[in-house]
Amino acid sequence: MSFKEISAGGIVYRHNEGKLQVQLITDRYGKISFAKGKREDGETIEETALREILEETGVTGRIVQPIDIIAYTYQHPDHGSVDKEVHYYLVECVSGDLKPQVEEIRGVAWYDPKEAWEKQMNSGYDNNDFILEKGLKLLKVEL
């Protein structure tokens, strides 16, 4: 019997003085990633994504549309084999100032889309490449 775990998060973007910016976090391992986390009892997957973005980065977002789901299996010391699903959404930043949740992540910042893509290529997780690529395409960014 495998254990199932659902997480959710998003590619958060904003328009700052007319320029599109994308939010990236630096996780506790020093890798580039996106704000995400585990679903709590009674939450919808969308609520999880927005709560985790707020907790990890300090900004309030609004879900625009789903991007995709990453699914993988990992070994948990107690549960054994865990089937994990991470649901990613395109999320518009509505309000708030960046404030990293230092218990969970090392940092968070806004980037120009091309710079965000370079950072993902150089220091991101491989399975996140297509998530950022799809998110940027939805934002009409040419890579």
C-alpha atoms as a PDB file:
ATOM      1  CA  MET A   1       0.000   0.000   0.000  1.00  0.00           C
ATOM      2  CA  SER A   2       1.672   3.191  -1.079  1.00  0.00           C
ATOM      3  CA  PHE A   3       1.162   6.476   0.688  1.00  0.00           C
ATOM      4  CA  LYS A   4      -0.038   9.494  -1.301  1.00  0.00           C
ATOM      5  CA  GLU A   5       1.077  13.037  -0.654  1.00  0.00           C
ATOM      6  CA  ILE A   6      -0.204  16.151  -2.394  1.00  0.00           C
ATOM      7  CA  SER A   7       1.656  19.439  -2.505  1.00  0.00           C
ATOM      8  CA  ALA A   8       0.845  22.613  -4.356  1.00  0.00           C
ATOM      9  CA  GLY A   9       2.542  25.834  -5.280  1.00  0.00           C
ATOM     10  CA  GLY A  10       2.978  28.267  -8.065  1.00  0.00           C
ATOM     11  CA  ILE A  11       4.886  30.361 -10.488  1.00  0.00           C
ATOM     12  CA  VAL A  12       4.160  33.791  -9.039  1.00  0.00           C
ATOM     13  CA  TYR A  13       4.420  36.855 -11.258  1.00  0.00           C
ATOM     14  CA  ARG A  14       3.759  40.572 -11.092  1.00  0.00           C
ATOM     15  CA  HIS A  15       3.991  43.664 -13.262  1.00  0.00           C
ATOM     16  CA  ASN A  16       6.316  46.200 -11.675  1.00  0.00           C
ATOM     17  CA  GLU A  17       6.466  49.579 -13.413  1.00  0.00           C
ATOM     18  CA  GLY A  18       5.206  47.899 -16.561  1.00  0.00           C
ATOM     19  CA  LYS A  19       7.800  45.109 -16.484  1.00  0.00           C
ATOM     20  CA  LEU A  20       6.919  41.453 -15.961  1.00  0.00           C
ATOM     21  CA  GLN A  21       8.734  39.821 -13.047  1.00  0.00           C
ATOM     22  CA  VAL A  22       8.753  36.207 -11.879  1.00  0.00           C
ATOM     23  CA  GLN A  23       9.286  35.078  -8.301  1.00  0.00           C
ATOM     24  CA  LEU A  24      11.864  32.410  -7.491  1.00  0.00           C
ATOM     25  CA  ILE A  25      12.829  31.047  -4.112  1.00  0.00           C
ATOM     26  CA  THR A  26      16.177  29.675  -2.996  1.00  0.00           C
ATOM     27  CA  ASP A  27      15.351  26.554  -1.007  1.00  0.00           C
ATOM     28  CA  ARG A  28      17.141  25.298   2.100  1.00  0.00           C
ATOM     29  CA  TYR A  29      19.540  23.299  -0.108  1.00  0.00           C
ATOM     30  CA  GLY A  30      20.541  26.413  -2.048  1.00  0.00           C
ATOM     31  CA  LYS A  31      18.599  25.375  -5.164  1.00  0.00           C
ATOM     32  CA  ILE A  32      16.288  27.613  -7.190  1.00  0.00           C
ATOM     33  CA  SER A  33      12.647  26.606  -6.929  1.00  0.00           C
ATOM     34  CA  PHE A  34       9.060  27.823  -6.548  1.00  0.00           C
ATOM     35  CA  ALA A  35       7.049  28.285  -3.361  1.00  0.00           C
ATOM     36  CA  LYS A  36       5.125  25.099  -2.576  1.00  0.00           C
ATOM     37  CA  GLY A  37       4.138  22.822   0.261  1.00  0.00           C
ATOM     38  CA  LYS A  38       1.962  20.020   1.570  1.00  0.00           C
ATOM     39  CA  ARG A  39      -1.800  20.129   1.598  1.00  0.00           C
ATOM     40  CA  GLU A  40      -3.420  20.344   5.021  1.00  0.00           C
ATOM     41  CA  ASP A  41      -6.674  18.611   5.983  1.00  0.00           C
ATOM     42  CA  GLY A  42      -9.749  20.328   4.615  1.00  0.00           C
ATOM     43  CA  GLU A  43      -7.917  22.470   2.073  1.00  0.00           C
ATOM     44  CA  THR A  44      -8.487  22.510  -1.651  1.00  0.00           C
ATOM     45  CA  ILE A  45      -5.326  22.162  -3.718  1.00  0.00           C
ATOM     46  CA  GLU A  46      -5.723  25.804  -4.804  1.00  0.00           C
ATOM     47  CA  GLU A  47      -5.944  26.934  -1.153  1.00  0.00           C
ATOM     48  CA  THR A  48      -2.769  24.987  -0.389  1.00  0.00           C
ATOM     49  CA  ALA A  49      -0.893  26.719  -3.216  1.00  0.00           C
ATOM     50  CA  LEU A  50      -1.939  30.210  -2.076  1.00  0.00           C
ATOM     51  CA  ARG A  51      -1.288  29.506   1.624  1.00  0.00           C
ATOM     52  CA  GLU A  52       2.178  28.131   0.933  1.00  0.00           C
ATOM     53  CA  ILE A  53       3.062  31.085  -1.322  1.00  0.00           C
ATOM     54  CA  LEU A  54       1.946  33.487   1.414  1.00  0.00           C
ATOM     55  CA  GLU A  55       3.781  31.579   4.173  1.00  0.00           C
ATOM     56  CA  GLU A  56       7.030  31.109   2.259  1.00  0.00           C
ATOM     57  CA  THR A  57       7.272  34.436   0.444  1.00  0.00           C
ATOM     58  CA  GLY A  58       5.001  36.964   2.178  1.00  0.00           C
ATOM     59  CA  VAL A  59       2.849  37.736  -0.873  1.00  0.00           C
ATOM     60  CA  THR A  60      -0.844  37.199  -1.458  1.00  0.00           C
ATOM     61  CA  GLY A  61      -1.618  35.657  -4.803  1.00  0.00           C
ATOM     62  CA  ARG A  62      -4.553  34.973  -7.081  1.00  0.00           C
ATOM     63  CA  ILE A  63      -4.652  31.779  -9.122  1.00  0.00           C
ATOM     64  CA  VAL A  64      -4.878  32.488 -12.835  1.00  0.00           C
ATOM     65  CA  GLN A  65      -4.786  28.921 -14.166  1.00  0.00           C
ATOM     66  CA  PRO A  66      -3.202  25.514 -13.556  1.00  0.00           C
ATOM     67  CA  ILE A  67       0.220  24.944 -15.134  1.00  0.00           C
ATOM     68  CA  ASP A  68       0.829  21.217 -14.621  1.00  0.00           C
ATOM     69  CA  ILE A  69       1.436  18.432 -12.124  1.00  0.00           C
ATOM     70  CA  ILE A  70       4.769  16.801 -11.349  1.00  0.00           C
ATOM     71  CA  ALA A  71       4.411  13.253 -10.039  1.00  0.00           C
ATOM     72  CA  TYR A  72       7.178  11.153  -8.548  1.00  0.00           C
ATOM     73  CA  THR A  73       7.784   8.488  -5.914  1.00  0.00           C
ATOM     74  CA  TYR A  74      10.187   8.764  -3.029  1.00  0.00           C
ATOM     75  CA  GLN A  75      11.118   6.635  -0.024  1.00  0.00           C
ATOM     76  CA  HIS A  76       9.909   7.877   3.357  1.00  0.00           C
ATOM     77  CA  PRO A  77      11.519   6.432   6.534  1.00  0.00           C
ATOM     78  CA  ASP A  78       8.108   5.706   8.133  1.00  0.00           C
ATOM     79  CA  HIS A  79       5.664   5.307   5.251  1.00  0.00           C
ATOM     80  CA  GLY A  80       7.951   3.561   2.768  1.00  0.00           C
ATOM     81  CA  SER A  81       7.086   4.340  -0.833  1.00  0.00           C
ATOM     82  CA  VAL A  82       5.269   7.673  -1.199  1.00  0.00           C
ATOM     83  CA  ASP A  83       3.514   8.745  -4.398  1.00  0.00           C
ATOM     84  CA  LYS A  84       3.903  12.478  -4.481  1.00  0.00           C
ATOM     85  CA  GLU A  85       1.988  14.924  -6.666  1.00  0.00           C
ATOM     86  CA  VAL A  86       2.923  18.584  -6.876  1.00  0.00           C
ATOM     87  CA  HIS A  87       0.282  20.805  -8.472  1.00  0.00           C
ATOM     88  CA  TYR A  88       1.633  24.050  -9.923  1.00  0.00           C
ATOM     89  CA  TYR A  89      -0.463  27.098 -10.777  1.00  0.00           C
ATOM     90  CA  LEU A  90       0.180  30.383 -12.507  1.00  0.00           C
ATOM     91  CA  VAL A  91      -0.366  32.903  -9.701  1.00  0.00           C
ATOM     92  CA  GLU A  92      -0.601  36.658  -9.953  1.00  0.00           C
ATOM     93  CA  CYS A  93       0.847  38.596  -7.012  1.00  0.00           C
ATOM     94  CA  VAL A  94      -1.963  40.738  -5.576  1.00  0.00           C
ATOM     95  CA  SER A  95      -0.257  42.311  -2.559  1.00  0.00           C
ATOM     96  CA  GLY A  96       2.474  41.968   0.035  1.00  0.00           C
ATOM     97  CA  ASP A  97       6.200  42.479   0.360  1.00  0.00           C
ATOM     98  CA  LEU A  98       8.704  39.678  -0.074  1.00  0.00           C
ATOM     99  CA  LYS A  99       9.568  38.151   3.266  1.00  0.00           C
ATOM    100  CA  PRO A 100      11.206  34.717   3.137  1.00  0.00           C
ATOM    101  CA  GLN A 101      10.094  32.103   5.674  1.00  0.00           C
ATOM    102  CA  VAL A 102      13.598  31.441   6.958  1.00  0.00           C
ATOM    103  CA  GLU A 103      12.622  28.144   8.588  1.00  0.00           C
ATOM    104  CA  GLU A 104      11.743  26.757   5.156  1.00  0.00           C
ATOM    105  CA  ILE A 105      13.741  28.675   2.545  1.00  0.00           C
ATOM    106  CA  ARG A 106      16.915  30.746   2.227  1.00  0.00           C
ATOM    107  CA  GLY A 107      15.550  33.549   0.111  1.00  0.00           C
ATOM    108  CA  VAL A 108      13.007  34.869  -2.344  1.00  0.00           C
ATOM    109  CA  ALA A 109      13.303  37.497  -5.066  1.00  0.00           C
ATOM    110  CA  TRP A 110      11.706  38.882  -8.227  1.00  0.00           C
ATOM    111  CA  TYR A 111      13.479  38.335 -11.536  1.00  0.00           C
ATOM    112  CA  ASP A 112      13.181  39.425 -15.113  1.00  0.00           C
ATOM    113  CA  PRO A 113      11.783  36.344 -16.973  1.00  0.00           C
ATOM    114  CA  LYS A 114      14.987  35.672 -18.941  1.00  0.00           C
ATOM    115  CA  GLU A 115      17.071  35.940 -15.785  1.00  0.00           C
ATOM    116  CA  ALA A 116      14.624  33.614 -13.993  1.00  0.00           C
ATOM    117  CA  TRP A 117      15.032  31.078 -16.808  1.00  0.00           C
ATOM    118  CA  GLU A 118      18.854  31.275 -16.634  1.00  0.00           C
ATOM    119  CA  LYS A 119      18.736  30.776 -12.864  1.00  0.00           C
ATOM    120  CA  GLN A 120      16.456  27.763 -13.290  1.00  0.00           C
ATOM    121  CA  MET A 121      18.805  26.282 -15.921  1.00  0.00           C
ATOM    122  CA  ASN A 122      21.879  26.827 -13.736  1.00  0.00           C
ATOM    123  CA  SER A 123      20.616  26.072 -10.234  1.00  0.00           C
ATOM    124  CA  GLY A 124      17.090  24.685 -10.455  1.00  0.00           C
ATOM    125  CA  TYR A 125      15.702  21.165 -10.285  1.00  0.00           C
ATOM    126  CA  ASP A 126      15.483  19.425 -13.679  1.00  0.00           C
ATOM    127  CA  ASN A 127      11.853  18.384 -13.180  1.00  0.00           C
ATOM    128  CA  ASN A 128      10.926  22.064 -12.690  1.00  0.00           C
ATOM    129  CA  ASP A 129      12.279  23.154 -16.092  1.00  0.00           C
ATOM    130  CA  PHE A 130       9.070  22.462 -17.983  1.00  0.00           C
ATOM    131  CA  ILE A 131       6.938  24.011 -15.220  1.00  0.00           C
ATOM    132  CA  LEU A 132       8.763  27.342 -15.522  1.00  0.00           C
ATOM    133  CA  GLU A 133       8.837  27.035 -19.315  1.00  0.00           C
ATOM    134  CA  LYS A 134       5.064  26.470 -19.421  1.00  0.00           C
ATOM    135  CA  GLY A 135       4.456  29.279 -16.934  1.00  0.00           C
ATOM    136  CA  LEU A 136       6.510  31.708 -18.994  1.00  0.00           C
ATOM    137  CA  LYS A 137       4.728  30.645 -22.195  1.00  0.00           C
ATOM    138  CA  LEU A 138       1.381  31.354 -20.516  1.00  0.00           C
ATOM    139  CA  LEU A 139       2.769  34.818 -19.723  1.00  0.00           C
ATOM    140  CA  LYS A 140       3.681  35.195 -23.436  1.00  0.00           C
ATOM    141  CA  VAL A 141       7.425  35.189 -22.742  1.00  0.00           C
ATOM    142  CA  GLU A 142       9.629  34.012 -25.608  1.00  0.00           C
ATOM    143  CA  LEU A 143      12.618  32.024 -24.394  1.00  0.00           C
END
